[in-house]
Amino acid sequence: MNKQQPDLNRRSLLKALTVGGTATVALAATGISAAQATESNLGTKSANGYHETAHIRSYYNSLRS
């Protein structure tokens, strides 16, 4: 019996789709993080440490229900 050679084109396509999807998610996550960091830094530049913001309050409220 002859061994069938693997289809490298199909494997390359699957690898490209996986890498492309991962890169897209990473870019989207980075963009969201940068926007949130910019928004929180605009309010008070001299404040250090913990401060409760709107998204933190909504998270706390979601834990109560």
PDB file of N, CA and C in Angstrom:
ATOM      1  N   MET A   1       0.827  -1.180   0.000  1.00  0.00           N
ATOM      2  CA  MET A   1       0.000   0.000   0.000  1.00  0.00           C
ATOM      3  C   MET A   1       0.872   1.245   0.000  1.00  0.00           C
ATOM      4  N   ASN A   2       0.476   2.189  -0.777  1.00  0.00           N
ATOM      5  CA  ASN A   2       1.181   3.470  -0.815  1.00  0.00           C
ATOM      6  C   ASN A   2       0.580   4.404   0.215  1.00  0.00           C
ATOM      7  N   LYS A   3       1.470   5.118   0.901  1.00  0.00           N
ATOM      8  CA  LYS A   3       0.990   6.133   1.845  1.00  0.00           C
ATOM      9  C   LYS A   3       0.574   7.367   1.067  1.00  0.00           C
ATOM     10  N   GLN A   4      -0.525   7.931   1.468  1.00  0.00           N
ATOM     11  CA  GLN A   4      -1.011   9.129   0.808  1.00  0.00           C
ATOM     12  C   GLN A   4      -0.280  10.346   1.367  1.00  0.00           C
ATOM     13  N   GLN A   5       0.210  11.208   0.496  1.00  0.00           N
ATOM     14  CA  GLN A   5       0.924  12.407   0.915  1.00  0.00           C
ATOM     15  C   GLN A   5      -0.076  13.420   1.487  1.00  0.00           C
ATOM     16  N   PRO A   6       0.304  14.098   2.565  1.00  0.00           N
ATOM     17  CA  PRO A   6      -0.606  15.091   3.149  1.00  0.00           C
ATOM     18  C   PRO A   6      -0.785  16.281   2.209  1.00  0.00           C
ATOM     19  N   ASP A   7      -1.947  16.857   2.258  1.00  0.00           N
ATOM     20  CA  ASP A   7      -2.262  18.022   1.434  1.00  0.00           C
ATOM     21  C   ASP A   7      -1.762  19.266   2.164  1.00  0.00           C
ATOM     22  N   LEU A   8      -0.599  19.758   1.758  1.00  0.00           N
ATOM     23  CA  LEU A   8       0.012  20.904   2.426  1.00  0.00           C
ATOM     24  C   LEU A   8      -0.731  22.202   2.160  1.00  0.00           C
ATOM     25  N   ASN A   9      -1.392  22.327   1.038  1.00  0.00           N
ATOM     26  CA  ASN A   9      -2.157  23.542   0.753  1.00  0.00           C
ATOM     27  C   ASN A   9      -3.290  23.731   1.748  1.00  0.00           C
ATOM     28  N   ARG A  10      -3.964  22.647   2.079  1.00  0.00           N
ATOM     29  CA  ARG A  10      -5.063  22.734   3.027  1.00  0.00           C
ATOM     30  C   ARG A  10      -4.533  23.098   4.419  1.00  0.00           C
ATOM     31  N   ARG A  11      -3.429  22.505   4.801  1.00  0.00           N
ATOM     32  CA  ARG A  11      -2.840  22.815   6.111  1.00  0.00           C
ATOM     33  C   ARG A  11      -2.401  24.268   6.177  1.00  0.00           C
ATOM     34  N   SER A  12      -1.824  24.770   5.093  1.00  0.00           N
ATOM     35  CA  SER A  12      -1.396  26.164   5.060  1.00  0.00           C
ATOM     36  C   SER A  12      -2.585  27.105   5.198  1.00  0.00           C
ATOM     37  N   LEU A  13      -3.678  26.767   4.540  1.00  0.00           N
ATOM     38  CA  LEU A  13      -4.880  27.590   4.635  1.00  0.00           C
ATOM     39  C   LEU A  13      -5.404  27.608   6.070  1.00  0.00           C
ATOM     40  N   LEU A  14      -5.463  26.454   6.712  1.00  0.00           N
ATOM     41  CA  LEU A  14      -5.960  26.386   8.088  1.00  0.00           C
ATOM     42  C   LEU A  14      -5.059  27.165   9.044  1.00  0.00           C
ATOM     43  N   LYS A  15      -3.744  27.071   8.838  1.00  0.00           N
ATOM     44  CA  LYS A  15      -2.810  27.839   9.674  1.00  0.00           C
ATOM     45  C   LYS A  15      -3.002  29.328   9.464  1.00  0.00           C
ATOM     46  N   ALA A  16      -3.174  29.757   8.221  1.00  0.00           N
ATOM     47  CA  ALA A  16      -3.356  31.176   7.923  1.00  0.00           C
ATOM     48  C   ALA A  16      -4.645  31.705   8.556  1.00  0.00           C
ATOM     49  N   LEU A  17      -5.721  30.923   8.493  1.00  0.00           N
ATOM     50  CA  LEU A  17      -6.975  31.346   9.101  1.00  0.00           C
ATOM     51  C   LEU A  17      -6.845  31.480  10.616  1.00  0.00           C
ATOM     52  N   THR A  18      -6.142  30.555  11.235  1.00  0.00           N
ATOM     53  CA  THR A  18      -5.950  30.599  12.685  1.00  0.00           C
ATOM     54  C   THR A  18      -5.125  31.807  13.090  1.00  0.00           C
ATOM     55  N   VAL A  19      -4.021  32.032  12.407  1.00  0.00           N
ATOM     56  CA  VAL A  19      -3.148  33.172  12.728  1.00  0.00           C
ATOM     57  C   VAL A  19      -3.879  34.479  12.454  1.00  0.00           C
ATOM     58  N   GLY A  20      -4.595  34.558  11.356  1.00  0.00           N
ATOM     59  CA  GLY A  20      -5.339  35.770  11.026  1.00  0.00           C
ATOM     60  C   GLY A  20      -6.415  36.085  12.045  1.00  0.00           C
ATOM     61  N   GLY A  21      -7.138  35.069  12.484  1.00  0.00           N
ATOM     62  CA  GLY A  21      -8.170  35.269  13.495  1.00  0.00           C
ATOM     63  C   GLY A  21      -7.592  35.713  14.830  1.00  0.00           C
ATOM     64  N   THR A  22      -6.498  35.114  15.205  1.00  0.00           N
ATOM     65  CA  THR A  22      -5.839  35.494  16.453  1.00  0.00           C
ATOM     66  C   THR A  22      -5.332  36.920  16.391  1.00  0.00           C
ATOM     67  N   ALA A  23      -4.753  37.307  15.274  1.00  0.00           N
ATOM     68  CA  ALA A  23      -4.245  38.671  15.114  1.00  0.00           C
ATOM     69  C   ALA A  23      -5.391  39.681  15.166  1.00  0.00           C
ATOM     70  N   THR A  24      -6.521  39.338  14.571  1.00  0.00           N
ATOM     71  CA  THR A  24      -7.668  40.240  14.586  1.00  0.00           C
ATOM     72  C   THR A  24      -8.176  40.451  16.001  1.00  0.00           C
ATOM     73  N   VAL A  25      -8.264  39.383  16.758  1.00  0.00           N
ATOM     74  CA  VAL A  25      -8.719  39.483  18.149  1.00  0.00           C
ATOM     75  C   VAL A  25      -7.729  40.302  18.967  1.00  0.00           C
ATOM     76  N   ALA A  26      -6.455  40.097  18.758  1.00  0.00           N
ATOM     77  CA  ALA A  26      -5.440  40.846  19.500  1.00  0.00           C
ATOM     78  C   ALA A  26      -5.519  42.335  19.184  1.00  0.00           C
ATOM     79  N   LEU A  27      -5.715  42.681  17.931  1.00  0.00           N
ATOM     80  CA  LEU A  27      -5.835  44.094  17.564  1.00  0.00           C
ATOM     81  C   LEU A  27      -7.085  44.722  18.153  1.00  0.00           C
ATOM     82  N   ALA A  28      -8.167  43.978  18.137  1.00  0.00           N
ATOM     83  CA  ALA A  28      -9.408  44.498  18.697  1.00  0.00           C
ATOM     84  C   ALA A  28      -9.269  44.712  20.205  1.00  0.00           C
ATOM     85  N   ALA A  29      -8.671  43.765  20.890  1.00  0.00           N
ATOM     86  CA  ALA A  29      -8.493  43.886  22.338  1.00  0.00           C
ATOM     87  C   ALA A  29      -7.558  45.040  22.677  1.00  0.00           C
ATOM     88  N   THR A  30      -6.524  45.223  21.903  1.00  0.00           N
ATOM     89  CA  THR A  30      -5.585  46.319  22.144  1.00  0.00           C
ATOM     90  C   THR A  30      -6.263  47.659  21.932  1.00  0.00           C
ATOM     91  N   GLY A  31      -7.074  47.779  20.917  1.00  0.00           N
ATOM     92  CA  GLY A  31      -7.786  49.027  20.654  1.00  0.00           C
ATOM     93  C   GLY A  31      -8.741  49.381  21.772  1.00  0.00           C
ATOM     94  N   ILE A  32      -9.430  48.394  22.306  1.00  0.00           N
ATOM     95  CA  ILE A  32     -10.363  48.640  23.404  1.00  0.00           C
ATOM     96  C   ILE A  32      -9.601  49.051  24.657  1.00  0.00           C
ATOM     97  N   SER A  33      -8.518  48.385  24.950  1.00  0.00           N
ATOM     98  CA  SER A  33      -7.736  48.709  26.138  1.00  0.00           C
ATOM     99  C   SER A  33      -7.166  50.118  26.050  1.00  0.00           C
ATOM    100  N   ALA A  34      -6.675  50.505  24.893  1.00  0.00           N
ATOM    101  CA  ALA A  34      -6.104  51.837  24.723  1.00  0.00           C
ATOM    102  C   ALA A  34      -7.174  52.904  24.905  1.00  0.00           C
ATOM    103  N   ALA A  35      -8.378  52.655  24.413  1.00  0.00           N
ATOM    104  CA  ALA A  35      -9.464  53.621  24.556  1.00  0.00           C
ATOM    105  C   ALA A  35      -9.857  53.775  26.019  1.00  0.00           C
ATOM    106  N   GLN A  36      -9.937  52.676  26.750  1.00  0.00           N
ATOM    107  CA  GLN A  36     -10.296  52.752  28.162  1.00  0.00           C
ATOM    108  C   GLN A  36      -9.211  53.443  28.961  1.00  0.00           C
ATOM    109  N   ALA A  37      -7.961  53.164  28.658  1.00  0.00           N
ATOM    110  CA  ALA A  37      -6.867  53.800  29.381  1.00  0.00           C
ATOM    111  C   ALA A  37      -6.861  55.296  29.121  1.00  0.00           C
ATOM    112  N   THR A  38      -7.108  55.709  27.901  1.00  0.00           N
ATOM    113  CA  THR A  38      -7.143  57.123  27.567  1.00  0.00           C
ATOM    114  C   THR A  38      -8.292  57.807  28.277  1.00  0.00           C
ATOM    115  N   GLU A  39      -9.447  57.172  28.321  1.00  0.00           N
ATOM    116  CA  GLU A  39     -10.611  57.754  28.969  1.00  0.00           C
ATOM    117  C   GLU A  39     -10.384  57.926  30.467  1.00  0.00           C
ATOM    118  N   SER A  40      -9.785  56.956  31.119  1.00  0.00           N
ATOM    119  CA  SER A  40      -9.583  57.048  32.558  1.00  0.00           C
ATOM    120  C   SER A  40      -8.497  58.053  32.909  1.00  0.00           C
ATOM    121  N   ASN A  41      -7.539  58.287  32.034  1.00  0.00           N
ATOM    122  CA  ASN A  41      -6.475  59.246  32.301  1.00  0.00           C
ATOM    123  C   ASN A  41      -6.911  60.685  32.071  1.00  0.00           C
ATOM    124  N   LEU A  42      -7.980  60.905  31.330  1.00  0.00           N
ATOM    125  CA  LEU A  42      -8.426  62.260  31.049  1.00  0.00           C
ATOM    126  C   LEU A  42      -9.035  62.936  32.269  1.00  0.00           C
ATOM    127  N   GLY A  43      -9.694  62.178  33.132  1.00  0.00           N
ATOM    128  CA  GLY A  43     -10.412  62.752  34.268  1.00  0.00           C
ATOM    129  C   GLY A  43      -9.488  63.422  35.269  1.00  0.00           C
ATOM    130  N   THR A  44      -8.623  62.668  35.905  1.00  0.00           N
ATOM    131  CA  THR A  44      -7.717  63.218  36.897  1.00  0.00           C
ATOM    132  C   THR A  44      -6.333  62.640  36.671  1.00  0.00           C
ATOM    133  N   LYS A  45      -5.407  63.496  36.424  1.00  0.00           N
ATOM    134  CA  LYS A  45      -4.046  63.027  36.162  1.00  0.00           C
ATOM    135  C   LYS A  45      -3.242  62.865  37.449  1.00  0.00           C
ATOM    136  N   SER A  46      -3.639  63.547  38.521  1.00  0.00           N
ATOM    137  CA  SER A  46      -2.863  63.477  39.754  1.00  0.00           C
ATOM    138  C   SER A  46      -3.331  62.383  40.707  1.00  0.00           C
ATOM    139  N   ALA A  47      -4.461  61.744  40.418  1.00  0.00           N
ATOM    140  CA  ALA A  47      -4.992  60.712  41.307  1.00  0.00           C
ATOM    141  C   ALA A  47      -4.177  59.424  41.167  1.00  0.00           C
ATOM    142  N   ASN A  48      -3.757  58.899  42.300  1.00  0.00           N
ATOM    143  CA  ASN A  48      -3.031  57.626  42.313  1.00  0.00           C
ATOM    144  C   ASN A  48      -3.831  56.603  43.083  1.00  0.00           C
ATOM    145  N   GLY A  49      -3.628  55.341  42.761  1.00  0.00           N
ATOM    146  CA  GLY A  49      -4.283  54.280  43.494  1.00  0.00           C
ATOM    147  C   GLY A  49      -5.658  53.950  42.957  1.00  0.00           C
ATOM    148  N   TYR A  50      -6.437  53.289  43.789  1.00  0.00           N
ATOM    149  CA  TYR A  50      -7.757  52.797  43.395  1.00  0.00           C
ATOM    150  C   TYR A  50      -8.759  53.930  43.351  1.00  0.00           C
ATOM    151  N   HIS A  51      -9.534  53.974  42.291  1.00  0.00           N
ATOM    152  CA  HIS A  51     -10.672  54.880  42.212  1.00  0.00           C
ATOM    153  C   HIS A  51     -11.791  54.178  41.459  1.00  0.00           C
ATOM    154  N   GLU A  52     -12.994  54.340  41.969  1.00  0.00           N
ATOM    155  CA  GLU A  52     -14.142  53.646  41.408  1.00  0.00           C
ATOM    156  C   GLU A  52     -14.681  54.427  40.220  1.00  0.00           C
ATOM    157  N   THR A  53     -14.800  53.748  39.087  1.00  0.00           N
ATOM    158  CA  THR A  53     -15.320  54.373  37.880  1.00  0.00           C
ATOM    159  C   THR A  53     -16.665  53.741  37.532  1.00  0.00           C
ATOM    160  N   ALA A  54     -17.284  54.242  36.487  1.00  0.00           N
ATOM    161  CA  ALA A  54     -18.619  53.770  36.106  1.00  0.00           C
ATOM    162  C   ALA A  54     -18.606  52.283  35.751  1.00  0.00           C
ATOM    163  N   HIS A  55     -17.598  51.835  35.011  1.00  0.00           N
ATOM    164  CA  HIS A  55     -17.597  50.422  34.631  1.00  0.00           C
ATOM    165  C   HIS A  55     -17.307  49.517  35.822  1.00  0.00           C
ATOM    166  N   ILE A  56     -16.577  49.994  36.807  1.00  0.00           N
ATOM    167  CA  ILE A  56     -16.340  49.212  38.022  1.00  0.00           C
ATOM    168  C   ILE A  56     -17.631  49.121  38.832  1.00  0.00           C
ATOM    169  N   ARG A  57     -18.359  50.239  38.949  1.00  0.00           N
ATOM    170  CA  ARG A  57     -19.638  50.218  39.663  1.00  0.00           C
ATOM    171  C   ARG A  57     -20.634  49.275  39.004  1.00  0.00           C
ATOM    172  N   SER A  58     -20.678  49.269  37.672  1.00  0.00           N
ATOM    173  CA  SER A  58     -21.615  48.364  36.997  1.00  0.00           C
ATOM    174  C   SER A  58     -21.215  46.914  37.210  1.00  0.00           C
ATOM    175  N   TYR A  59     -19.912  46.640  37.303  1.00  0.00           N
ATOM    176  CA  TYR A  59     -19.459  45.283  37.597  1.00  0.00           C
ATOM    177  C   TYR A  59     -19.882  44.868  39.008  1.00  0.00           C
ATOM    178  N   TYR A  60     -19.679  45.752  39.964  1.00  0.00           N
ATOM    179  CA  TYR A  60     -20.096  45.448  41.343  1.00  0.00           C
ATOM    180  C   TYR A  60     -21.603  45.199  41.414  1.00  0.00           C
ATOM    181  N   ASN A  61     -22.381  46.005  40.697  1.00  0.00           N
ATOM    182  CA  ASN A  61     -23.831  45.826  40.690  1.00  0.00           C
ATOM    183  C   ASN A  61     -24.224  44.492  40.073  1.00  0.00           C
ATOM    184  N   SER A  62     -23.491  44.045  39.080  1.00  0.00           N
ATOM    185  CA  SER A  62     -23.809  42.752  38.462  1.00  0.00           C
ATOM    186  C   SER A  62     -23.531  41.598  39.412  1.00  0.00           C
ATOM    187  N   LEU A  63     -22.618  41.773  40.353  1.00  0.00           N
ATOM    188  CA  LEU A  63     -22.312  40.713  41.303  1.00  0.00           C
ATOM    189  C   LEU A  63     -23.415  40.583  42.365  1.00  0.00           C
ATOM    190  N   ARG A  64     -24.095  41.672  42.654  1.00  0.00           N
ATOM    191  CA  ARG A  64     -25.126  41.656  43.679  1.00  0.00           C
ATOM    192  C   ARG A  64     -26.379  40.933  43.231  1.00  0.00           C
ATOM    193  N   SER A  65     -26.656  40.934  41.956  1.00  0.00           N
ATOM    194  CA  SER A  65     -27.915  40.329  41.500  1.00  0.00           C
ATOM    195  C   SER A  65     -27.788  38.860  41.205  1.00  0.00           C
TER     196      SER A  65
END
